[in-house]
Amino acid sequence: MNLFSWEGLLSEEVISRMLRDHVLSKWLVVLQDWLEQLLSNKESPLSAGIEELIQWYLGWRAFIPEDIRKRQEIEEVFRWALE
């Protein structure tokens, strides 16, 4: 069972807050670690790793239902990821 199974039982506000606080906060840490690893690895071309990272980012965006993804607190997380 995943968090989105609770849609309809919990408000979008509660689901998006749980997603931001318990999932996407960890997601941002992984993203930051991944970027740092890509930037520090002088032996591998950066472009190959960036392409994989972009696909991962887009996959996460697509995974989150649009009504939840469009909430301000979720949009902010994805904006922070691009900064």
Protein backbone atom coordinates (compact mmCIF):
# COMPACT_ATOMS: atom_id res chain seq x y z
CA MET A 1 0.00 0.00 0.00
CA ASN A 2 1.32 3.45 -0.80
CA LEU A 3 0.49 6.91 0.44
CA PHE A 4 -1.72 7.69 -2.55
CA SER A 5 -4.02 4.80 -1.63
CA TRP A 6 -5.30 7.11 1.09
CA GLU A 7 -6.61 9.68 -1.41
CA GLY A 8 -10.26 10.27 -0.66
CA LEU A 9 -9.82 9.24 2.97
CA LEU A 10 -7.28 11.92 3.85
CA SER A 11 -7.31 15.47 2.55
CA GLU A 12 -4.88 16.55 -0.15
CA GLU A 13 -3.34 18.85 2.43
CA VAL A 14 -2.55 15.97 4.80
CA ILE A 15 -1.22 13.73 2.02
CA SER A 16 0.96 16.46 0.56
CA ARG A 17 2.33 17.38 4.00
CA MET A 18 3.15 13.74 4.72
CA LEU A 19 4.76 13.38 1.30
CA ARG A 20 6.84 16.53 1.78
CA ASP A 21 7.90 15.79 5.35
CA HIS A 22 8.51 12.05 5.19
CA VAL A 23 9.33 11.20 1.58
CA LEU A 24 10.46 14.21 -0.40
CA SER A 25 12.69 15.53 2.36
CA LYS A 26 14.69 12.30 2.07
CA TRP A 27 14.42 12.47 -1.73
CA LEU A 28 16.14 15.88 -1.66
CA VAL A 29 19.00 14.46 0.43
CA VAL A 30 19.50 11.63 -2.06
CA LEU A 31 19.39 14.11 -4.93
CA GLN A 32 21.99 16.33 -3.28
CA ASP A 33 24.26 13.35 -2.54
CA TRP A 34 23.91 12.14 -6.13
CA LEU A 35 24.80 15.57 -7.53
CA GLU A 36 27.81 15.86 -5.25
CA GLN A 37 28.97 12.42 -6.33
CA LEU A 38 28.57 13.31 -10.02
CA LEU A 39 30.49 16.55 -9.59
CA SER A 40 33.32 14.93 -7.65
CA ASN A 41 33.82 11.98 -10.04
CA LYS A 42 36.49 13.12 -12.48
CA GLU A 43 36.74 9.72 -14.21
CA SER A 44 33.19 9.54 -15.58
CA PRO A 45 31.56 11.98 -18.00
CA LEU A 46 29.17 14.29 -16.20
CA SER A 47 26.63 14.24 -19.04
CA ALA A 48 25.90 10.52 -18.64
CA GLY A 49 25.13 10.85 -14.96
CA ILE A 50 23.10 14.02 -15.38
CA GLU A 51 20.85 12.34 -17.95
CA GLU A 52 20.09 9.53 -15.52
CA LEU A 53 19.44 12.03 -12.75
CA ILE A 54 17.05 14.03 -14.97
CA GLN A 55 15.10 10.87 -15.77
CA TRP A 56 14.90 10.04 -12.05
CA TYR A 57 13.62 13.54 -11.27
CA LEU A 58 11.01 13.39 -14.04
CA GLY A 59 9.95 9.90 -12.95
CA TRP A 60 9.26 11.12 -9.44
CA ARG A 61 7.27 14.08 -10.75
CA ALA A 62 5.20 11.76 -12.93
CA PHE A 63 4.65 9.29 -10.05
CA ILE A 64 2.93 11.87 -7.85
CA PRO A 65 -0.71 12.43 -8.82
CA GLU A 66 -1.21 15.80 -10.44
CA ASP A 67 -3.66 17.12 -7.84
CA ILE A 68 -1.05 16.50 -5.12
CA ARG A 69 1.92 17.60 -7.25
CA LYS A 70 0.29 20.97 -7.97
CA ARG A 71 -0.03 21.86 -4.30
CA GLN A 72 2.33 24.68 -3.33
CA GLU A 73 4.33 22.69 -0.76
CA ILE A 74 5.06 19.94 -3.32
CA GLU A 75 5.83 22.36 -6.17
CA GLU A 76 8.31 24.09 -3.84
CA VAL A 77 10.20 20.83 -3.25
CA PHE A 78 10.57 20.22 -6.99
CA ARG A 79 11.63 23.85 -7.50
CA TRP A 80 14.25 23.52 -4.75
CA ALA A 81 15.55 20.41 -6.48
CA LEU A 82 16.29 22.47 -9.59
CA GLU A 83 18.18 25.19 -7.73
